[in-house]
PDB file of N, CA and C in Angstrom:
ATOM      1  N   MET A   1      98.077  91.411  77.520  1.00  0.00           N
ATOM      2  CA  MET A   1      98.390  90.131  78.134  1.00  0.00           C
ATOM      3  C   MET A   1      97.259  89.165  77.786  1.00  0.00           C
ATOM      4  N   ALA A   2      97.610  87.975  77.334  1.00  0.00           N
ATOM      5  CA  ALA A   2      96.619  86.985  76.943  1.00  0.00           C
ATOM      6  C   ALA A   2      95.868  86.466  78.158  1.00  0.00           C
ATOM      7  N   SER A   3      94.695  85.875  77.879  1.00  0.00           N
ATOM      8  CA  SER A   3      93.853  85.368  78.958  1.00  0.00           C
ATOM      9  C   SER A   3      94.570  84.302  79.785  1.00  0.00           C
ATOM     10  N   CYS A   4      95.284  83.397  79.122  1.00  0.00           N
ATOM     11  CA  CYS A   4      96.028  82.345  79.828  1.00  0.00           C
ATOM     12  C   CYS A   4      97.100  82.966  80.723  1.00  0.00           C
ATOM     13  N   SER A   5      97.792  83.958  80.193  1.00  0.00           N
ATOM     14  CA  SER A   5      98.817  84.634  80.993  1.00  0.00           C
ATOM     15  C   SER A   5      98.191  85.356  82.168  1.00  0.00           C
ATOM     16  N   MET A   6      97.007  85.919  81.960  1.00  0.00           N
ATOM     17  CA  MET A   6      96.321  86.621  83.044  1.00  0.00           C
ATOM     18  C   MET A   6      95.977  85.639  84.159  1.00  0.00           C
ATOM     19  N   MET A   7      95.498  84.465  83.797  1.00  0.00           N
ATOM     20  CA  MET A   7      95.167  83.465  84.813  1.00  0.00           C
ATOM     21  C   MET A   7      96.433  83.015  85.546  1.00  0.00           C
ATOM     22  N   LYS A   8      97.530  82.859  84.804  1.00  0.00           N
ATOM     23  CA  LYS A   8      98.796  82.484  85.430  1.00  0.00           C
ATOM     24  C   LYS A   8      99.229  83.570  86.406  1.00  0.00           C
ATOM     25  N   TRP A   9      99.050  84.812  85.999  1.00  0.00           N
ATOM     26  CA  TRP A   9      99.396  85.935  86.871  1.00  0.00           C
ATOM     27  C   TRP A   9      98.549  85.906  88.129  1.00  0.00           C
ATOM     28  N   PHE A  10      97.247  85.661  87.982  1.00  0.00           N
ATOM     29  CA  PHE A  10      96.365  85.604  89.149  1.00  0.00           C
ATOM     30  C   PHE A  10      96.823  84.521  90.121  1.00  0.00           C
ATOM     31  N   ARG A  11      97.247  83.385  89.598  1.00  0.00           N
ATOM     32  CA  ARG A  11      97.677  82.291  90.465  1.00  0.00           C
ATOM     33  C   ARG A  11      98.971  82.618  91.203  1.00  0.00           C
ATOM     34  N   CYS A  12      99.898  83.306  90.554  1.00  0.00           N
ATOM     35  CA  CYS A  12     101.198  83.541  91.208  1.00  0.00           C
ATOM     36  C   CYS A  12     101.183  84.790  92.088  1.00  0.00           C
ATOM     37  N   CYS A  13     100.195  85.627  91.974  1.00  0.00           N
ATOM     38  CA  CYS A  13     100.127  86.856  92.780  1.00  0.00           C
ATOM     39  C   CYS A  13      99.080  86.704  93.864  1.00  0.00           C
ATOM     40  N   ASN A  14      99.438  86.053  94.931  1.00  0.00           N
ATOM     41  CA  ASN A  14      98.475  85.721  95.972  1.00  0.00           C
ATOM     42  C   ASN A  14      98.294  86.791  97.025  1.00  0.00           C
ATOM     43  N   ALA A  15      99.212  87.706  97.141  1.00  0.00           N
ATOM     44  CA  ALA A  15      99.183  88.623  98.281  1.00  0.00           C
ATOM     45  C   ALA A  15      99.104  90.077  97.837  1.00  0.00           C
ATOM     46  N   ILE A  16      98.040  90.440  97.172  1.00  0.00           N
ATOM     47  CA  ILE A  16      97.903  91.819  96.713  1.00  0.00           C
ATOM     48  C   ILE A  16      97.673  92.746  97.897  1.00  0.00           C
ATOM     49  N   ALA A  17      98.440  93.786  97.932  1.00  0.00           N
ATOM     50  CA  ALA A  17      98.347  94.875  98.911  1.00  0.00           C
ATOM     51  C   ALA A  17      98.868  94.546 100.301  1.00  0.00           C
ATOM     52  N   LEU A  18      99.296  93.339 100.556  1.00  0.00           N
ATOM     53  CA  LEU A  18      99.816  93.028 101.887  1.00  0.00           C
ATOM     54  C   LEU A  18     101.082  93.818 102.202  1.00  0.00           C
ATOM     55  N   CYS A  19     101.911  94.031 101.211  1.00  0.00           N
ATOM     56  CA  CYS A  19     103.151  94.776 101.462  1.00  0.00           C
ATOM     57  C   CYS A  19     102.867  96.205 101.880  1.00  0.00           C
ATOM     58  N   LEU A  20     101.764  96.754 101.444  1.00  0.00           N
ATOM     59  CA  LEU A  20     101.437  98.126 101.836  1.00  0.00           C
ATOM     60  C   LEU A  20     101.336  98.267 103.344  1.00  0.00           C
ATOM     61  N   LEU A  21     100.907  97.238 104.011  1.00  0.00           N
ATOM     62  CA  LEU A  21     100.784  97.304 105.463  1.00  0.00           C
ATOM     63  C   LEU A  21     102.112  97.629 106.127  1.00  0.00           C
ATOM     64  N   PHE A  22     103.193  97.185 105.505  1.00  0.00           N
ATOM     65  CA  PHE A  22     104.507  97.354 106.113  1.00  0.00           C
ATOM     66  C   PHE A  22     105.364  98.399 105.420  1.00  0.00           C
ATOM     67  N   LEU A  23     105.193  98.570 104.117  1.00  0.00           N
ATOM     68  CA  LEU A  23     106.136  99.365 103.356  1.00  0.00           C
ATOM     69  C   LEU A  23     105.680 100.783 103.067  1.00  0.00           C
ATOM     70  N   TRP A  24     104.504 100.961 102.519  1.00  0.00           N
ATOM     71  CA  TRP A  24     104.097 102.290 102.071  1.00  0.00           C
ATOM     72  C   TRP A  24     103.915 103.288 103.209  1.00  0.00           C
ATOM     73  N   PRO A  25     103.339 102.922 104.353  1.00  0.00           N
ATOM     74  CA  PRO A  25     103.222 103.913 105.428  1.00  0.00           C
ATOM     75  C   PRO A  25     104.567 104.474 105.868  1.00  0.00           C
ATOM     76  N   SER A  26     105.594 103.660 105.895  1.00  0.00           N
ATOM     77  CA  SER A  26     106.898 104.177 106.314  1.00  0.00           C
ATOM     78  C   SER A  26     107.508 105.078 105.260  1.00  0.00           C
ATOM     79  N   LEU A  27     107.169 104.872 103.997  1.00  0.00           N
ATOM     80  CA  LEU A  27     107.668 105.745 102.941  1.00  0.00           C
ATOM     81  C   LEU A  27     106.927 107.064 102.931  1.00  0.00           C
ATOM     82  N   SER A  28     105.629 107.018 103.079  1.00  0.00           N
ATOM     83  CA  SER A  28     104.820 108.220 102.923  1.00  0.00           C
ATOM     84  C   SER A  28     104.662 109.014 104.203  1.00  0.00           C
ATOM     85  N   GLY A  29     104.908 108.379 105.339  1.00  0.00           N
ATOM     86  CA  GLY A  29     104.678 109.063 106.604  1.00  0.00           C
ATOM     87  C   GLY A  29     103.201 109.239 106.874  1.00  0.00           C
ATOM     88  N   SER A  30     102.372 108.518 106.141  1.00  0.00           N
ATOM     89  CA  SER A  30     100.925 108.653 106.237  1.00  0.00           C
ATOM     90  C   SER A  30     100.349 107.594 107.156  1.00  0.00           C
ATOM     91  N   SER A  31      99.267 107.950 107.813  1.00  0.00           N
ATOM     92  CA  SER A  31      98.569 106.964 108.631  1.00  0.00           C
ATOM     93  C   SER A  31      97.275 106.547 107.938  1.00  0.00           C
ATOM     94  N   GLU A  32      97.193 106.799 106.617  1.00  0.00           N
ATOM     95  CA  GLU A  32      96.018 106.433 105.845  1.00  0.00           C
ATOM     96  C   GLU A  32      95.780 104.932 105.939  1.00  0.00           C
ATOM     97  N   GLU A  33      94.517 104.556 105.938  1.00  0.00           N
ATOM     98  CA  GLU A  33      94.167 103.140 106.047  1.00  0.00           C
ATOM     99  C   GLU A  33      94.604 102.380 104.803  1.00  0.00           C
ATOM    100  N   VAL A  34      95.065 101.171 105.007  1.00  0.00           N
ATOM    101  CA  VAL A  34      95.486 100.298 103.927  1.00  0.00           C
ATOM    102  C   VAL A  34      94.500  99.148 103.856  1.00  0.00           C
ATOM    103  N   ALA A  35      94.090  98.807 102.651  1.00  0.00           N
ATOM    104  CA  ALA A  35      93.118  97.733 102.469  1.00  0.00           C
ATOM    105  C   ALA A  35      93.760  96.568 101.736  1.00  0.00           C
ATOM    106  N   THR A  36      93.383  95.368 102.110  1.00  0.00           N
ATOM    107  CA  THR A  36      93.762  94.176 101.373  1.00  0.00           C
ATOM    108  C   THR A  36      92.582  93.821 100.482  1.00  0.00           C
ATOM    109  N   VAL A  37      92.861  93.627  99.194  1.00  0.00           N
ATOM    110  CA  VAL A  37      91.783  93.375  98.237  1.00  0.00           C
ATOM    111  C   VAL A  37      92.072  92.111  97.444  1.00  0.00           C
ATOM    112  N   ASP A  38      91.009  91.549  96.849  1.00  0.00           N
ATOM    113  CA  ASP A  38      91.207  90.378  96.001  1.00  0.00           C
ATOM    114  C   ASP A  38      91.621  90.837  94.602  1.00  0.00           C
ATOM    115  N   VAL A  39      91.947  89.876  93.738  1.00  0.00           N
ATOM    116  CA  VAL A  39      92.468  90.213  92.415  1.00  0.00           C
ATOM    117  C   VAL A  39      91.469  90.976  91.564  1.00  0.00           C
ATOM    118  N   HIS A  40      90.185  90.713  91.731  1.00  0.00           N
ATOM    119  CA  HIS A  40      89.176  91.413  90.932  1.00  0.00           C
ATOM    120  C   HIS A  40      89.092  92.881  91.337  1.00  0.00           C
ATOM    121  N   ALA A  41      89.118  93.146  92.631  1.00  0.00           N
ATOM    122  CA  ALA A  41      89.108  94.531  93.111  1.00  0.00           C
ATOM    123  C   ALA A  41      90.393  95.240  92.701  1.00  0.00           C
ATOM    124  N   ALA A  42      91.511  94.532  92.757  1.00  0.00           N
ATOM    125  CA  ALA A  42      92.785  95.130  92.341  1.00  0.00           C
ATOM    126  C   ALA A  42      92.740  95.521  90.871  1.00  0.00           C
ATOM    127  N   LYS A  43      92.170  94.662  90.053  1.00  0.00           N
ATOM    128  CA  LYS A  43      92.059  94.961  88.618  1.00  0.00           C
ATOM    129  C   LYS A  43      91.205  96.205  88.405  1.00  0.00           C
ATOM    130  N   ARG A  44      90.104  96.325  89.133  1.00  0.00           N
ATOM    131  CA  ARG A  44      89.256  97.522  89.016  1.00  0.00           C
ATOM    132  C   ARG A  44      90.019  98.772  89.453  1.00  0.00           C
ATOM    133  N   LEU A  45      90.773  98.673  90.533  1.00  0.00           N
ATOM    134  CA  LEU A  45      91.547  99.821  91.013  1.00  0.00           C
ATOM    135  C   LEU A  45      92.578 100.266  89.981  1.00  0.00           C
ATOM    136  N   VAL A  46      93.284  99.303  89.393  1.00  0.00           N
ATOM    137  CA  VAL A  46      94.284  99.635  88.378  1.00  0.00           C
ATOM    138  C   VAL A  46      93.600 100.238  87.153  1.00  0.00           C
ATOM    139  N   SER A  47      92.455  99.694  86.765  1.00  0.00           N
ATOM    140  CA  SER A  47      91.706 100.233  85.623  1.00  0.00           C
ATOM    141  C   SER A  47      91.226 101.652  85.874  1.00  0.00           C
ATOM    142  N   SER A  48      91.009 101.996  87.142  1.00  0.00           N
ATOM    143  CA  SER A  48      90.521 103.340  87.468  1.00  0.00           C
ATOM    144  C   SER A  48      91.660 104.332  87.715  1.00  0.00           C
ATOM    145  N   GLY A  49      92.907 103.894  87.501  1.00  0.00           N
ATOM    146  CA  GLY A  49      94.012 104.834  87.584  1.00  0.00           C
ATOM    147  C   GLY A  49      95.008 104.630  88.705  1.00  0.00           C
ATOM    148  N   HIS A  50      94.808 103.632  89.551  1.00  0.00           N
ATOM    149  CA  HIS A  50      95.793 103.359  90.603  1.00  0.00           C
ATOM    150  C   HIS A  50      97.090 102.862  89.962  1.00  0.00           C
ATOM    151  N   ARG A  51      98.214 103.203  90.552  1.00  0.00           N
ATOM    152  CA  ARG A  51      99.508 102.690  90.105  1.00  0.00           C
ATOM    153  C   ARG A  51      99.592 101.226  90.530  1.00  0.00           C
ATOM    154  N   TYR A  52     100.354 100.437  89.796  1.00  0.00           N
ATOM    155  CA  TYR A  52     100.488  99.009  90.072  1.00  0.00           C
ATOM    156  C   TYR A  52     101.952  98.706  90.365  1.00  0.00           C
ATOM    157  N   LEU A  53     102.266  98.495  91.618  1.00  0.00           N
ATOM    158  CA  LEU A  53     103.637  98.241  92.055  1.00  0.00           C
ATOM    159  C   LEU A  53     103.806  96.759  92.359  1.00  0.00           C
ATOM    160  N   ASP A  54     104.652  96.111  91.591  1.00  0.00           N
ATOM    161  CA  ASP A  54     104.929  94.684  91.748  1.00  0.00           C
ATOM    162  C   ASP A  54     106.263  94.557  92.475  1.00  0.00           C
ATOM    163  N   VAL A  55     106.244  94.032  93.696  1.00  0.00           N
ATOM    164  CA  VAL A  55     107.464  93.958  94.505  1.00  0.00           C
ATOM    165  C   VAL A  55     108.089  92.560  94.495  1.00  0.00           C
ATOM    166  N   ARG A  56     107.641  91.719  93.568  1.00  0.00           N
ATOM    167  CA  ARG A  56     108.245  90.395  93.434  1.00  0.00           C
ATOM    168  C   ARG A  56     109.665  90.529  92.885  1.00  0.00           C
ATOM    169  N   THR A  57     110.427  89.446  92.961  1.00  0.00           N
ATOM    170  CA  THR A  57     111.782  89.457  92.413  1.00  0.00           C
ATOM    171  C   THR A  57     111.722  89.680  90.904  1.00  0.00           C
ATOM    172  N   VAL A  58     112.836  90.100  90.331  1.00  0.00           N
ATOM    173  CA  VAL A  58     112.911  90.311  88.884  1.00  0.00           C
ATOM    174  C   VAL A  58     112.561  89.020  88.151  1.00  0.00           C
ATOM    175  N   GLU A  59     113.057  87.902  88.661  1.00  0.00           N
ATOM    176  CA  GLU A  59     112.790  86.608  88.028  1.00  0.00           C
ATOM    177  C   GLU A  59     111.293  86.299  88.033  1.00  0.00           C
ATOM    178  N   GLU A  60     110.623  86.533  89.146  1.00  0.00           N
ATOM    179  CA  GLU A  60     109.175  86.294  89.235  1.00  0.00           C
ATOM    180  C   GLU A  60     108.418  87.259  88.328  1.00  0.00           C
ATOM    181  N   PHE A  61     108.824  88.516  88.323  1.00  0.00           N
ATOM    182  CA  PHE A  61     108.195  89.541  87.485  1.00  0.00           C
ATOM    183  C   PHE A  61     108.303  89.165  86.008  1.00  0.00           C
ATOM    184  N   ASN A  62     109.479  88.687  85.594  1.00  0.00           N
ATOM    185  CA  ASN A  62     109.695  88.339  84.186  1.00  0.00           C
ATOM    186  C   ASN A  62     108.895  87.123  83.738  1.00  0.00           C
ATOM    187  N   LYS A  63     108.413  86.322  84.674  1.00  0.00           N
ATOM    188  CA  LYS A  63     107.573  85.172  84.324  1.00  0.00           C
ATOM    189  C   LYS A  63     106.166  85.599  83.930  1.00  0.00           C
ATOM    190  N   GLY A  64     105.767  86.804  84.305  1.00  0.00           N
ATOM    191  CA  GLY A  64     104.450  87.308  83.943  1.00  0.00           C
ATOM    192  C   GLY A  64     104.025  88.435  84.850  1.00  0.00           C
ATOM    193  N   HIS A  65     103.479  89.476  84.251  1.00  0.00           N
ATOM    194  CA  HIS A  65     103.018  90.635  85.013  1.00  0.00           C
ATOM    195  C   HIS A  65     101.998  91.411  84.193  1.00  0.00           C
ATOM    196  N   LEU A  66     101.279  92.256  84.867  1.00  0.00           N
ATOM    197  CA  LEU A  66     100.317  93.114  84.189  1.00  0.00           C
ATOM    198  C   LEU A  66     101.033  94.164  83.359  1.00  0.00           C
ATOM    199  N   GLU A  67     100.396  94.550  82.265  1.00  0.00           N
ATOM    200  CA  GLU A  67     100.904  95.648  81.455  1.00  0.00           C
ATOM    201  C   GLU A  67     100.971  96.906  82.325  1.00  0.00           C
ATOM    202  N   ASN A  68     102.005  97.687  82.155  1.00  0.00           N
ATOM    203  CA  ASN A  68     102.240  98.931  82.904  1.00  0.00           C
ATOM    204  C   ASN A  68     102.602  98.707  84.367  1.00  0.00           C
ATOM    205  N   ALA A  69     102.898  97.479  84.750  1.00  0.00           N
ATOM    206  CA  ALA A  69     103.331  97.223  86.128  1.00  0.00           C
ATOM    207  C   ALA A  69     104.716  97.826  86.341  1.00  0.00           C
ATOM    208  N   ILE A  70     104.937  98.326  87.538  1.00  0.00           N
ATOM    209  CA  ILE A  70     106.238  98.864  87.930  1.00  0.00           C
ATOM    210  C   ILE A  70     106.874  97.831  88.848  1.00  0.00           C
ATOM    211  N   ASN A  71     108.073  97.367  88.498  1.00  0.00           N
ATOM    212  CA  ASN A  71     108.736  96.362  89.329  1.00  0.00           C
ATOM    213  C   ASN A  71     109.842  96.999  90.150  1.00  0.00           C
ATOM    214  N   VAL A  72     109.672  96.950  91.452  1.00  0.00           N
ATOM    215  CA  VAL A  72     110.721  97.320  92.404  1.00  0.00           C
ATOM    216  C   VAL A  72     110.814  96.145  93.370  1.00  0.00           C
ATOM    217  N   PRO A  73     111.784  95.261  93.163  1.00  0.00           N
ATOM    218  CA  PRO A  73     111.876  94.067  94.004  1.00  0.00           C
ATOM    219  C   PRO A  73     112.137  94.400  95.466  1.00  0.00           C
ATOM    220  N   TYR A  74     111.376  93.769  96.340  1.00  0.00           N
ATOM    221  CA  TYR A  74     111.619  93.896  97.772  1.00  0.00           C
ATOM    222  C   TYR A  74     112.722  92.930  98.200  1.00  0.00           C
ATOM    223  N   LEU A  75     112.837  91.821  97.478  1.00  0.00           N
ATOM    224  CA  LEU A  75     113.859  90.806  97.759  1.00  0.00           C
ATOM    225  C   LEU A  75     114.658  90.515  96.499  1.00  0.00           C
ATOM    226  N   PHE A  76     115.891  90.066  96.683  1.00  0.00           N
ATOM    227  CA  PHE A  76     116.738  89.599  95.592  1.00  0.00           C
ATOM    228  C   PHE A  76     117.176  88.178  95.896  1.00  0.00           C
ATOM    229  N   PHE A  77     117.362  87.384  94.819  1.00  0.00           N
ATOM    230  CA  PHE A  77     117.974  86.070  94.981  1.00  0.00           C
ATOM    231  C   PHE A  77     119.486  86.265  95.009  1.00  0.00           C
ATOM    232  N   THR A  78     120.144  85.696  96.003  1.00  0.00           N
ATOM    233  CA  THR A  78     121.604  85.748  96.114  1.00  0.00           C
ATOM    234  C   THR A  78     122.094  84.332  96.374  1.00  0.00           C
ATOM    235  N   PRO A  79     123.400  84.093  96.302  1.00  0.00           N
ATOM    236  CA  PRO A  79     123.909  82.753  96.634  1.00  0.00           C
ATOM    237  C   PRO A  79     123.534  82.324  98.057  1.00  0.00           C
ATOM    238  N   GLN A  80     123.302  83.290  98.935  1.00  0.00           N
ATOM    239  CA  GLN A  80     122.924  82.978 100.318  1.00  0.00           C
ATOM    240  C   GLN A  80     121.413  82.796 100.480  1.00  0.00           C
ATOM    241  N   GLY A  81     120.652  83.014  99.430  1.00  0.00           N
ATOM    242  CA  GLY A  81     119.194  82.935  99.493  1.00  0.00           C
ATOM    243  C   GLY A  81     118.582  84.285  99.162  1.00  0.00           C
ATOM    244  N   LYS A  82     117.346  84.502  99.584  1.00  0.00           N
ATOM    245  CA  LYS A  82     116.693  85.788  99.337  1.00  0.00           C
ATOM    246  C   LYS A  82     117.164  86.807 100.366  1.00  0.00           C
ATOM    247  N   GLU A  83     117.469  88.016  99.882  1.00  0.00           N
ATOM    248  CA  GLU A  83     117.880  89.104 100.764  1.00  0.00           C
ATOM    249  C   GLU A  83     117.064  90.342 100.438  1.00  0.00           C
ATOM    250  N   LYS A  84     116.783  91.148 101.459  1.00  0.00           N
ATOM    251  CA  LYS A  84     116.017  92.381 101.265  1.00  0.00           C
ATOM    252  C   LYS A  84     116.797  93.364 100.407  1.00  0.00           C
ATOM    253  N   ASN A  85     116.072  94.094  99.584  1.00  0.00           N
ATOM    254  CA  ASN A  85     116.639  95.149  98.752  1.00  0.00           C
ATOM    255  C   ASN A  85     116.927  96.352  99.651  1.00  0.00           C
ATOM    256  N   PRO A  86     118.187  96.684  99.905  1.00  0.00           N
ATOM    257  CA  PRO A  86     118.495  97.782 100.821  1.00  0.00           C
ATOM    258  C   PRO A  86     118.069  99.151 100.298  1.00  0.00           C
ATOM    259  N   LYS A  87     117.811  99.262  99.001  1.00  0.00           N
ATOM    260  CA  LYS A  87     117.415 100.542  98.407  1.00  0.00           C
ATOM    261  C   LYS A  87     115.938 100.558  98.031  1.00  0.00           C
ATOM    262  N   PHE A  88     115.166  99.634  98.601  1.00  0.00           N
ATOM    263  CA  PHE A  88     113.765  99.493  98.210  1.00  0.00           C
ATOM    264  C   PHE A  88     112.977 100.802  98.339  1.00  0.00           C
ATOM    265  N   LEU A  89     112.975 101.404  99.505  1.00  0.00           N
ATOM    266  CA  LEU A  89     112.179 102.621  99.701  1.00  0.00           C
ATOM    267  C   LEU A  89     112.647 103.753  98.800  1.00  0.00           C
ATOM    268  N   GLU A  90     113.937 103.870  98.621  1.00  0.00           N
ATOM    269  CA  GLU A  90     114.488 104.889  97.723  1.00  0.00           C
ATOM    270  C   GLU A  90     114.003 104.657  96.294  1.00  0.00           C
ATOM    271  N   GLN A  91     114.030 103.409  95.837  1.00  0.00           N
ATOM    272  CA  GLN A  91     113.604 103.079  94.481  1.00  0.00           C
ATOM    273  C   GLN A  91     112.108 103.294  94.293  1.00  0.00           C
ATOM    274  N   VAL A  92     111.313 102.941  95.290  1.00  0.00           N
ATOM    275  CA  VAL A  92     109.869 103.167  95.202  1.00  0.00           C
ATOM    276  C   VAL A  92     109.582 104.662  95.129  1.00  0.00           C
ATOM    277  N   SER A  93     110.283 105.448  95.918  1.00  0.00           N
ATOM    278  CA  SER A  93     110.030 106.894  95.925  1.00  0.00           C
ATOM    279  C   SER A  93     110.412 107.545  94.602  1.00  0.00           C
ATOM    280  N   LEU A  94     111.242 106.897  93.796  1.00  0.00           N
ATOM    281  CA  LEU A  94     111.590 107.424  92.478  1.00  0.00           C
ATOM    282  C   LEU A  94     110.489 107.197  91.451  1.00  0.00           C
ATOM    283  N   VAL A  95     109.649 106.187  91.662  1.00  0.00           N
ATOM    284  CA  VAL A  95     108.612 105.861  90.677  1.00  0.00           C
ATOM    285  C   VAL A  95     107.198 106.143  91.169  1.00  0.00           C
ATOM    286  N   CYS A  96     107.028 106.392  92.458  1.00  0.00           N
ATOM    287  CA  CYS A  96     105.707 106.666  93.027  1.00  0.00           C
ATOM    288  C   CYS A  96     105.781 107.897  93.919  1.00  0.00           C
ATOM    289  N   ASP A  97     104.771 108.751  93.799  1.00  0.00           N
ATOM    290  CA  ASP A  97     104.670 109.920  94.668  1.00  0.00           C
ATOM    291  C   ASP A  97     103.885 109.564  95.919  1.00  0.00           C
ATOM    292  N   LYS A  98     104.063 110.351  96.966  1.00  0.00           N
ATOM    293  CA  LYS A  98     103.338 110.121  98.223  1.00  0.00           C
ATOM    294  C   LYS A  98     101.828 110.152  98.024  1.00  0.00           C
ATOM    295  N   ASP A  99     101.361 110.947  97.068  1.00  0.00           N
ATOM    296  CA  ASP A  99      99.925 111.093  96.852  1.00  0.00           C
ATOM    297  C   ASP A  99      99.340 110.050  95.905  1.00  0.00           C
ATOM    298  N   ASP A 100     100.179 109.209  95.313  1.00  0.00           N
ATOM    299  CA  ASP A 100      99.683 108.171  94.409  1.00  0.00           C
ATOM    300  C   ASP A 100      98.851 107.149  95.170  1.00  0.00           C
ATOM    301  N   HIS A 101      97.843 106.645  94.498  1.00  0.00           N
ATOM    302  CA  HIS A 101      97.078 105.503  95.008  1.00  0.00           C
ATOM    303  C   HIS A 101      97.707 104.277  94.362  1.00  0.00           C
ATOM    304  N   ILE A 102      98.112 103.335  95.192  1.00  0.00           N
ATOM    305  CA  ILE A 102      98.936 102.230  94.705  1.00  0.00           C
ATOM    306  C   ILE A 102      98.354 100.882  95.103  1.00  0.00           C
ATOM    307  N   VAL A 103      98.368  99.972  94.141  1.00  0.00           N
ATOM    308  CA  VAL A 103      98.068  98.569  94.407  1.00  0.00           C
ATOM    309  C   VAL A 103      99.417  97.864  94.381  1.00  0.00           C
ATOM    310  N   VAL A 104      99.730  97.157  95.454  1.00  0.00           N
ATOM    311  CA  VAL A 104     101.005  96.446  95.560  1.00  0.00           C
ATOM    312  C   VAL A 104     100.730  94.955  95.465  1.00  0.00           C
ATOM    313  N   VAL A 105     101.544  94.269  94.679  1.00  0.00           N
ATOM    314  CA  VAL A 105     101.421  92.815  94.591  1.00  0.00           C
ATOM    315  C   VAL A 105     102.748  92.190  94.996  1.00  0.00           C
ATOM    316  N   ALA A 106     102.645  91.087  95.723  1.00  0.00           N
ATOM    317  CA  ALA A 106     103.828  90.346  96.161  1.00  0.00           C
ATOM    318  C   ALA A 106     103.518  88.864  96.106  1.00  0.00           C
ATOM    319  N   SER A 107     104.540  88.070  96.056  1.00  0.00           N
ATOM    320  CA  SER A 107     104.382  86.627  96.106  1.00  0.00           C
ATOM    321  C   SER A 107     104.401  86.187  97.561  1.00  0.00           C
ATOM    322  N   LEU A 108     103.682  85.136  97.873  1.00  0.00           N
ATOM    323  CA  LEU A 108     103.684  84.619  99.240  1.00  0.00           C
ATOM    324  C   LEU A 108     104.951  83.847  99.560  1.00  0.00           C
ATOM    325  N   SER A 109     105.710  83.491  98.534  1.00  0.00           N
ATOM    326  CA  SER A 109     106.930  82.704  98.782  1.00  0.00           C
ATOM    327  C   SER A 109     108.079  83.562  99.228  1.00  0.00           C
TER     328      SER A 109
END
């Protein structure tokens, strides 16, 4: 990913790891502590082997994302507006194991 694209990605991904507070504990059944980190810490975590789960919409993901990012949208655009993905937890469990260390990114919009 080019430097300009990386900066664009940093600007559009404002809420790294916030979704973990609500989503991952219910999937894993774990009470492990969840941390909110800035983009620099997230980059270090991904570089050290953490999985990178991007829960933005497909449209947002296609505008720019990190290499090797896994996209499982939490929301979909519909004629009625944004709606929750009813198969979100099922889809996440297909690409991430309970023991994986995961950095989650979401859009604030």
